[in-house]
Amino acid sequence: MDVSEAVDRLFSGVVPERIDELSALWGAQQDRVRLLDTPRFLLQQRWGTIQVSELALRQLWLAGYAAWRAIEAYNIPLAVFPLADFAPDQWSQSPAQAEKEAAFERLFDKIIEIGDHGVEGFDWPEDVPYPREGLEISDPEKKGTFDLVCMAGAYVFAHEIRHGLFEHAGDTPADEMGEERACDEWALSLMLDQVASYAVASGWAPELVRSKRLMGIIIAQLTITTLTPRENWDNSADHPPVSERMHTVLSAATEPSPDWFWITVTSMLLAFARRAGVKIDYIPSVKSFRDFAFHICDQLKSS
């Protein structure tokens, strides 16, 4: 099924300042994006068309709402306790904290479950809006999460568009790893390069718009990390290590950033890393939540 117009609308909502440029580069013809009826995760650019499966879209959606649960679970203890006293196992002894962590873990596990068993017959979590055309969300937190999911989606589609542009121009890098890095950089550039002028013209603070888009991109990278077997996190023949890809996104955060930004990013990274089996310890060099976010990123290793 051709879903090119739906993806055009996605970009119009997420990066309206780049939509004319993107249309000139990518065109407006049919079959630029096709939703394929396949039971597996699929998101790739082949023969001038981006191919995506319903499963891939739903896993990205679930990862966005899991990220919000991660923020709810860890923002408060990170804010209350000094970083030098970082002790998440002790925090979990509080029933209220344990329930917040369990809410995140249930959604994280749903990302894996739908991947293992497929879309058909999947028991959709009650606390997550079901993705459908014409969806209206009244809850402000769930609506905010929906916005971040859209930004995550725009980023991953932008990555695939760059693959297509390489193919169309006949200048695809010979090195697959180099091509993947170039596509990440192009997608990040599309999302961020003109955000300041767009924000000012729209009457918003540039640091708020940039930070929100970065959070969406981080959700995209957390989805990639979650769906990549851990043994391949830094041992892939054709993709950069997941820690490197996340590091590139974190490094795109400029100062000043909102007070909430780095503690929120740390909360997401901490929750996803711990659920994936990564042991996160405090180290003395960590003096801020920005430091901590990069520290967690550096721990995203295969072993």
Protein backbone atom coordinates (compact mmCIF):
# COMPACT_ATOMS: atom_id res chain seq x y z
CA MET A 1 0.00 0.00 0.00
CA ASP A 2 1.29 3.43 -0.95
CA VAL A 3 1.64 5.61 2.16
CA SER A 4 3.77 8.38 0.62
CA GLU A 5 1.22 11.11 1.35
CA ALA A 6 0.97 10.06 4.99
CA VAL A 7 4.75 10.36 5.36
CA ASP A 8 4.64 13.76 3.62
CA ARG A 9 2.12 14.89 6.25
CA LEU A 10 4.41 13.54 8.95
CA PHE A 11 7.31 15.66 7.71
CA SER A 12 5.02 18.70 7.32
CA GLY A 13 4.12 18.44 10.98
CA VAL A 14 7.61 17.70 12.31
CA VAL A 15 9.92 19.81 10.11
CA PRO A 16 7.66 22.31 8.31
CA GLU A 17 10.62 24.61 7.66
CA ARG A 18 12.26 21.94 5.48
CA ILE A 19 9.24 20.59 3.62
CA ASP A 20 9.78 22.55 0.37
CA GLU A 21 13.43 21.56 0.27
CA LEU A 22 12.57 17.96 1.03
CA SER A 23 9.92 17.88 -1.69
CA ALA A 24 12.42 19.21 -4.23
CA LEU A 25 14.91 16.51 -3.26
CA TRP A 26 12.56 13.59 -2.80
CA GLY A 27 9.69 14.44 -5.12
CA ALA A 28 5.96 14.01 -4.68
CA GLN A 29 5.25 10.94 -6.78
CA GLN A 30 3.47 7.84 -5.61
CA ASP A 31 5.22 4.78 -4.20
CA ARG A 32 8.03 6.65 -2.45
CA VAL A 33 6.93 4.80 0.71
CA ARG A 34 5.09 1.49 0.71
CA LEU A 35 3.55 -0.27 3.69
CA LEU A 36 4.17 -3.95 3.04
CA ASP A 37 2.12 -6.80 4.44
CA THR A 38 4.89 -8.76 6.11
CA PRO A 39 5.00 -10.22 9.63
CA ARG A 40 8.58 -9.13 10.27
CA PHE A 41 10.28 -5.87 11.16
CA LEU A 42 10.96 -4.04 7.92
CA LEU A 43 12.32 -0.56 7.34
CA GLN A 44 14.58 -0.22 4.34
CA GLN A 45 15.10 1.66 1.09
CA ARG A 46 15.11 -0.51 -2.02
CA TRP A 47 14.80 0.40 -5.70
CA GLY A 48 13.76 3.98 -5.01
CA THR A 49 11.10 3.05 -2.47
CA ILE A 50 11.09 3.01 1.32
CA GLN A 51 9.57 -0.25 2.47
CA VAL A 52 8.08 -0.41 5.96
CA SER A 53 6.00 -2.95 7.85
CA GLU A 54 3.17 -2.37 10.28
CA LEU A 55 5.22 -4.21 12.89
CA ALA A 56 8.08 -1.69 12.61
CA LEU A 57 5.72 1.26 13.02
CA ARG A 58 4.03 -0.25 16.06
CA GLN A 59 7.31 -1.10 17.74
CA LEU A 60 8.43 2.51 17.31
CA TRP A 61 5.09 3.66 18.72
CA LEU A 62 5.38 1.39 21.76
CA ALA A 63 8.98 2.49 22.34
CA GLY A 64 7.84 6.11 22.50
CA TYR A 65 5.27 5.37 25.18
CA ALA A 66 7.75 3.18 27.05
CA ALA A 67 10.14 6.14 27.03
CA TRP A 68 7.50 8.28 28.71
CA ARG A 69 7.07 5.61 31.40
CA ALA A 70 10.84 5.65 31.83
CA ILE A 71 10.73 9.38 32.51
CA GLU A 72 7.96 8.90 35.05
CA ALA A 73 9.97 6.16 36.76
CA TYR A 74 13.34 7.86 37.10
CA ASN A 75 12.95 11.64 36.91
CA ILE A 76 11.98 12.05 40.56
CA PRO A 77 14.62 9.81 42.21
CA LEU A 78 17.32 11.28 39.98
CA ALA A 79 16.21 14.76 41.01
CA VAL A 80 15.89 13.97 44.72
CA PHE A 81 19.03 11.94 45.40
CA PRO A 82 22.57 13.25 44.76
CA LEU A 83 24.28 11.58 41.81
CA ALA A 84 27.02 10.40 44.16
CA ASP A 85 24.33 8.35 45.98
CA PHE A 86 23.02 6.74 42.80
CA ALA A 87 21.41 3.46 43.93
CA PRO A 88 18.49 2.37 41.72
CA ASP A 89 18.23 -1.04 43.42
CA GLN A 90 17.54 0.74 46.69
CA TRP A 91 15.02 3.07 45.05
CA SER A 92 13.08 0.03 43.86
CA GLN A 93 12.41 -1.00 47.46
CA SER A 94 9.81 1.76 47.59
CA PRO A 95 6.44 0.28 46.44
CA ALA A 96 5.57 3.46 44.54
CA GLN A 97 8.91 3.45 42.72
CA ALA A 98 8.67 -0.29 42.04
CA GLU A 99 5.26 0.20 40.41
CA LYS A 100 6.55 2.99 38.17
CA GLU A 101 9.46 0.83 37.06
CA ALA A 102 7.09 -2.09 36.47
CA ALA A 103 4.89 0.12 34.27
CA PHE A 104 7.92 0.92 32.12
CA GLU A 105 9.05 -2.71 32.02
CA ARG A 106 5.60 -3.89 30.90
CA LEU A 107 5.74 -1.56 27.90
CA PHE A 108 9.37 -2.38 27.12
CA ASP A 109 8.45 -6.07 27.13
CA LYS A 110 5.54 -5.32 24.78
CA ILE A 111 8.04 -4.04 22.19
CA ILE A 112 9.72 -7.44 22.29
CA GLU A 113 6.47 -9.40 22.49
CA ILE A 114 4.94 -7.88 19.37
CA GLY A 115 8.19 -8.54 17.54
CA ASP A 116 8.17 -12.19 18.59
CA HIS A 117 4.51 -12.90 17.89
CA GLY A 118 3.48 -10.36 15.26
CA VAL A 119 0.74 -7.76 14.97
CA GLU A 120 -2.15 -10.21 14.57
CA GLY A 121 -3.59 -11.21 17.91
CA PHE A 122 -1.26 -8.93 19.87
CA ASP A 123 -2.77 -7.82 23.18
CA TRP A 124 -2.46 -4.04 22.93
CA PRO A 125 -1.61 -2.36 26.27
CA GLU A 126 -4.55 -0.45 27.74
CA ASP A 127 -2.49 2.58 28.75
CA VAL A 128 -1.18 3.24 25.23
CA PRO A 129 -3.33 4.89 22.51
CA TYR A 130 -3.94 2.52 19.61
CA PRO A 131 -2.45 3.91 16.38
CA ARG A 132 -5.14 4.51 13.80
CA GLU A 133 -6.10 7.09 11.21
CA GLY A 134 -7.90 10.06 12.70
CA LEU A 135 -6.64 9.34 16.21
CA GLU A 136 -7.44 12.09 18.71
CA ILE A 137 -5.68 12.15 22.08
CA SER A 138 -7.00 14.35 24.87
CA ASP A 139 -4.59 13.40 27.66
CA PRO A 140 -1.78 16.00 27.49
CA GLU A 141 1.00 13.58 28.48
CA LYS A 142 -0.08 10.99 25.92
CA LYS A 143 -0.46 13.73 23.32
CA GLY A 144 3.05 14.97 24.12
CA THR A 145 4.36 11.45 23.72
CA PHE A 146 2.55 11.15 20.38
CA ASP A 147 4.43 14.26 19.21
CA LEU A 148 7.74 12.66 20.18
CA VAL A 149 6.81 9.45 18.36
CA CYS A 150 6.12 11.50 15.23
CA MET A 151 9.55 13.09 15.52
CA ALA A 152 11.14 9.68 15.96
CA GLY A 153 9.30 8.48 12.86
CA ALA A 154 10.40 11.48 10.82
CA TYR A 155 14.01 10.81 11.77
CA VAL A 156 13.98 7.14 10.73
CA PHE A 157 12.23 7.93 7.45
CA ALA A 158 14.73 10.72 6.79
CA HIS A 159 17.55 8.21 7.28
CA GLU A 160 16.01 5.98 4.60
CA ILE A 161 15.40 8.92 2.26
CA ARG A 162 19.13 9.64 2.30
CA HIS A 163 19.81 6.06 1.22
CA GLY A 164 17.46 6.66 -1.71
CA LEU A 165 19.11 9.94 -2.64
CA PHE A 166 22.48 8.21 -2.73
CA GLU A 167 21.02 5.50 -4.95
CA HIS A 168 19.33 8.00 -7.29
CA ALA A 169 22.50 10.06 -7.69
CA GLY A 170 24.66 6.98 -8.17
CA ASP A 171 27.10 8.08 -5.49
CA THR A 172 26.39 5.55 -2.75
CA PRO A 173 29.49 5.21 -0.55
CA ALA A 174 31.37 1.97 -1.15
CA ASP A 175 31.66 1.42 2.58
CA GLU A 176 28.32 0.33 4.08
CA MET A 177 29.29 1.60 7.52
CA GLY A 178 30.17 4.98 6.04
CA GLU A 179 26.83 5.13 4.25
CA GLU A 180 24.93 4.44 7.48
CA ARG A 181 26.84 7.19 9.28
CA ALA A 182 26.13 9.61 6.43
CA CYS A 183 22.42 8.79 6.54
CA ASP A 184 22.30 9.35 10.31
CA GLU A 185 24.07 12.69 9.90
CA TRP A 186 21.74 13.79 7.10
CA ALA A 187 18.62 12.89 9.07
CA LEU A 188 19.93 14.73 12.13
CA SER A 189 20.75 17.75 9.96
CA LEU A 190 17.27 17.76 8.42
CA MET A 191 15.69 17.77 11.87
CA LEU A 192 17.92 20.37 13.52
CA ASP A 193 19.78 22.70 11.16
CA GLN A 194 17.02 25.27 10.68
CA VAL A 195 15.21 24.77 13.96
CA ALA A 196 16.32 28.09 15.46
CA SER A 197 14.98 30.29 12.66
CA TYR A 198 11.77 28.25 12.52
CA ALA A 199 11.25 28.55 16.28
CA VAL A 200 11.83 32.32 16.32
CA ALA A 201 9.46 32.84 13.38
CA SER A 202 6.84 30.78 15.19
CA GLY A 203 7.26 32.59 18.51
CA TRP A 204 8.87 29.73 20.40
CA ALA A 205 12.14 29.44 22.27
CA PRO A 206 14.68 27.72 19.96
CA GLU A 207 16.15 25.63 22.79
CA LEU A 208 12.72 24.17 23.57
CA VAL A 209 11.98 23.17 19.98
CA ARG A 210 15.47 21.74 19.47
CA SER A 211 15.33 19.78 22.73
CA LYS A 212 11.94 18.31 21.90
CA ARG A 213 13.12 17.17 18.48
CA LEU A 214 16.23 15.66 20.03
CA MET A 215 14.08 13.70 22.46
CA GLY A 216 12.18 12.24 19.52
CA ILE A 217 15.44 11.30 17.80
CA ILE A 218 16.70 9.68 21.02
CA ILE A 219 13.52 7.59 21.10
CA ALA A 220 14.32 6.46 17.55
CA GLN A 221 17.81 5.43 18.62
CA LEU A 222 16.46 3.68 21.73
CA THR A 223 14.13 1.73 19.46
CA ILE A 224 17.07 0.70 17.28
CA THR A 225 19.02 -0.35 20.38
CA THR A 226 16.08 -2.34 21.75
CA LEU A 227 15.49 -4.20 18.49
CA THR A 228 19.16 -4.93 17.85
CA PRO A 229 20.36 -8.16 19.55
CA ARG A 230 22.81 -7.13 22.22
CA GLU A 231 25.60 -9.23 20.72
CA ASN A 232 25.38 -6.95 17.67
CA TRP A 233 25.38 -3.64 19.54
CA ASP A 234 29.03 -3.06 18.70
CA ASN A 235 29.65 -6.01 16.41
CA SER A 236 27.75 -5.32 13.20
CA ALA A 237 29.29 -5.59 9.75
CA ASP A 238 27.20 -2.79 8.25
CA HIS A 239 25.94 -0.51 11.04
CA PRO A 240 27.86 1.65 13.52
CA PRO A 241 27.78 0.61 17.20
CA VAL A 242 24.56 1.65 18.92
CA SER A 243 26.57 3.64 21.47
CA GLU A 244 28.23 5.63 18.68
CA ARG A 245 24.89 6.40 17.04
CA MET A 246 23.41 7.55 20.35
CA HIS A 247 26.54 9.57 21.15
CA THR A 248 26.15 11.45 17.87
CA VAL A 249 22.60 12.44 18.82
CA LEU A 250 23.51 13.47 22.36
CA SER A 251 26.38 15.57 21.02
CA ALA A 252 23.89 17.53 18.90
CA ALA A 253 22.37 19.01 22.06
CA THR A 254 23.55 22.61 22.32
CA GLU A 255 23.56 24.96 25.26
CA PRO A 256 21.59 26.51 26.70
CA SER A 257 19.28 23.54 27.05
CA PRO A 258 16.14 23.55 29.19
CA ASP A 259 16.59 22.56 32.84
CA TRP A 260 14.54 19.41 32.29
CA PHE A 261 16.36 18.16 29.20
CA TRP A 262 19.35 16.21 30.52
CA ILE A 263 17.56 14.63 33.49
CA THR A 264 14.81 13.51 31.10
CA VAL A 265 17.32 12.04 28.65
CA THR A 266 19.16 10.33 31.51
CA SER A 267 15.87 8.80 32.72
CA MET A 268 15.14 7.31 29.30
CA LEU A 269 18.65 5.97 28.79
CA LEU A 270 18.81 4.54 32.30
CA ALA A 271 15.52 2.67 32.04
CA PHE A 272 16.16 1.17 28.60
CA ALA A 273 19.74 0.23 29.44
CA ARG A 274 18.83 -1.47 32.72
CA ARG A 275 15.96 -3.42 31.13
CA ALA A 276 18.34 -4.59 28.40
CA GLY A 277 20.63 -6.00 31.09
CA VAL A 278 23.25 -3.25 31.16
CA LYS A 279 24.63 -2.59 34.63
CA ILE A 280 24.84 1.14 35.25
CA ASP A 281 27.05 2.37 38.10
CA TYR A 282 27.93 5.86 39.22
CA ILE A 283 31.50 6.97 38.56
CA PRO A 284 33.18 10.00 40.20
CA SER A 285 33.71 11.80 36.90
CA VAL A 286 29.94 12.16 36.53
CA LYS A 287 29.16 15.67 37.78
CA SER A 288 25.93 16.45 35.93
CA PHE A 289 23.01 14.74 34.22
CA ARG A 290 24.65 15.54 30.90
CA ASP A 291 27.73 13.61 32.03
CA PHE A 292 25.52 10.78 33.24
CA ALA A 293 23.66 10.54 29.92
CA PHE A 294 26.95 10.18 28.04
CA HIS A 295 28.20 7.69 30.67
CA ILE A 296 25.15 5.48 30.13
CA CYS A 297 25.58 5.83 26.37
CA ASP A 298 29.16 4.58 26.68
CA GLN A 299 27.92 1.45 28.51
CA LEU A 300 25.78 0.32 25.59
CA LYS A 301 28.16 -2.46 24.69
CA SER A 302 27.68 -6.05 23.62
CA SER A 303 29.13 -7.32 26.90
